[in-house]
Protein backbone atom coordinates (compact mmCIF):
# COMPACT_ATOMS: atom_id res chain seq x y z
CA UNK A 1 0.00 0.00 0.00
CA UNK A 2 1.17 3.48 -0.80
CA UNK A 3 1.93 5.76 2.13
CA UNK A 4 1.22 9.01 0.26
CA UNK A 5 -2.18 9.29 1.96
CA UNK A 6 -1.26 8.14 5.44
CA UNK A 7 -1.69 10.75 8.13
CA UNK A 8 -3.81 11.31 11.23
CA UNK A 9 -6.43 13.34 9.35
CA UNK A 10 -6.96 10.65 6.73
CA UNK A 11 -7.11 8.01 9.46
CA UNK A 12 -9.87 10.04 11.12
CA UNK A 13 -11.80 10.28 7.84
CA UNK A 14 -11.63 6.53 7.28
CA UNK A 15 -12.59 5.83 10.89
CA UNK A 16 -15.56 8.18 10.42
CA UNK A 17 -16.62 6.22 7.32
CA UNK A 18 -16.37 2.98 9.27
CA UNK A 19 -18.92 4.34 11.77
CA UNK A 20 -21.60 4.53 9.07
CA UNK A 21 -24.12 1.74 9.61
CA UNK A 22 -26.46 1.92 6.66
CA UNK A 23 -26.75 3.08 3.09
CA UNK A 24 -28.90 5.93 4.41
CA UNK A 25 -26.06 6.96 6.76
CA UNK A 26 -23.69 6.93 3.79
CA UNK A 27 -26.00 9.11 1.73
CA UNK A 28 -26.20 11.65 4.56
CA UNK A 29 -22.46 11.73 5.20
CA UNK A 30 -21.27 11.76 1.60
CA UNK A 31 -23.86 14.37 0.59
CA UNK A 32 -22.31 16.68 3.18
CA UNK A 33 -18.69 15.78 2.45
CA UNK A 34 -18.62 15.42 -1.35
CA UNK A 35 -20.03 17.26 -4.31
CA UNK A 36 -22.52 15.44 -6.51
CA UNK A 37 -19.82 15.23 -9.18
CA UNK A 38 -17.36 13.59 -6.77
CA UNK A 39 -19.90 10.98 -5.70
CA UNK A 40 -20.84 10.29 -9.32
CA UNK A 41 -17.15 9.92 -10.26
CA UNK A 42 -16.52 7.38 -7.49
CA UNK A 43 -19.73 5.53 -8.40
CA UNK A 44 -18.69 5.44 -12.04
CA UNK A 45 -15.24 4.04 -11.20
CA UNK A 46 -16.75 1.25 -9.14
CA UNK A 47 -19.10 0.35 -12.00
CA UNK A 48 -16.19 0.41 -14.45
CA UNK A 49 -14.19 -1.90 -12.16
CA UNK A 50 -17.10 -4.35 -11.99
CA UNK A 51 -17.47 -4.37 -15.76
CA UNK A 52 -13.73 -4.86 -16.30
CA UNK A 53 -13.81 -7.83 -13.94
CA UNK A 54 -16.68 -9.24 -15.98
CA UNK A 55 -14.47 -9.00 -19.07
CA UNK A 56 -16.41 -6.28 -20.84
CA UNK A 57 -14.63 -4.36 -23.58
CA UNK A 58 -13.58 -0.72 -23.16
CA UNK A 59 -16.00 0.44 -25.88
CA UNK A 60 -18.94 -1.25 -24.17
CA UNK A 61 -17.95 0.19 -20.79
CA UNK A 62 -17.66 3.68 -22.31
CA UNK A 63 -21.11 3.35 -23.84
CA UNK A 64 -22.78 2.00 -20.69
CA UNK A 65 -21.10 4.22 -18.08
CA UNK A 66 -20.11 7.27 -20.14
CA UNK A 67 -16.66 6.95 -18.56
CA UNK A 68 -13.74 8.24 -20.59
CA UNK A 69 -11.18 5.80 -21.93
CA UNK A 70 -8.68 7.44 -19.57
CA UNK A 71 -10.88 6.64 -16.56
CA UNK A 72 -11.39 3.07 -17.73
CA UNK A 73 -7.65 2.68 -18.27
CA UNK A 74 -6.88 4.09 -14.83
CA UNK A 75 -9.35 1.74 -13.14
CA UNK A 76 -7.94 -1.18 -15.11
CA UNK A 77 -4.43 -0.23 -14.00
CA UNK A 78 -5.63 -0.21 -10.38
CA UNK A 79 -7.20 -3.63 -10.84
CA UNK A 80 -3.98 -4.98 -12.30
CA UNK A 81 -1.32 -3.25 -10.21
CA UNK A 82 -3.07 -1.38 -7.40
CA UNK A 83 -3.64 -2.12 -3.73
CA UNK A 84 -6.53 -4.53 -4.43
CA UNK A 85 -9.09 -2.12 -3.00
CA UNK A 86 -11.51 -2.62 -5.87
CA UNK A 87 -11.12 -6.39 -5.62
CA UNK A 88 -11.71 -6.33 -1.87
CA UNK A 89 -14.90 -4.30 -2.18
CA UNK A 90 -16.28 -6.06 -5.24
CA UNK A 91 -15.68 -9.50 -3.71
CA UNK A 92 -17.47 -8.44 -0.53
CA UNK A 93 -20.38 -6.99 -2.48
CA UNK A 94 -20.66 -10.22 -4.46
CA UNK A 95 -20.70 -12.15 -1.18
CA UNK A 96 -23.50 -9.95 0.15
CA UNK A 97 -25.51 -10.45 -3.02
CA UNK A 98 -25.17 -14.21 -2.58
CA UNK A 99 -26.18 -13.88 1.08
CA UNK A 100 -22.72 -14.81 2.33
CA UNK A 101 -21.77 -11.69 4.27
């Protein structure tokens, strides 16, 4: 994991996020903390990551998500060489959808 983000303030932010107990809590917190554009960008990246894992082609992902090829490429790079954050979250979401978590 990269240490470029590690500091006490970022730790506090992540600890704050971990206190959220429902999707409704998340909506309330992120609406206050982020702009609509920031939330949409994060949402889009997660969708792109899911589609890349499913083996969808860049052109199809662009058409379905309206993500730029640069965003798709960046997400793909994270999936291939990143800290496995997307994989961690997507695996857990898949487990929830199957009733496992």
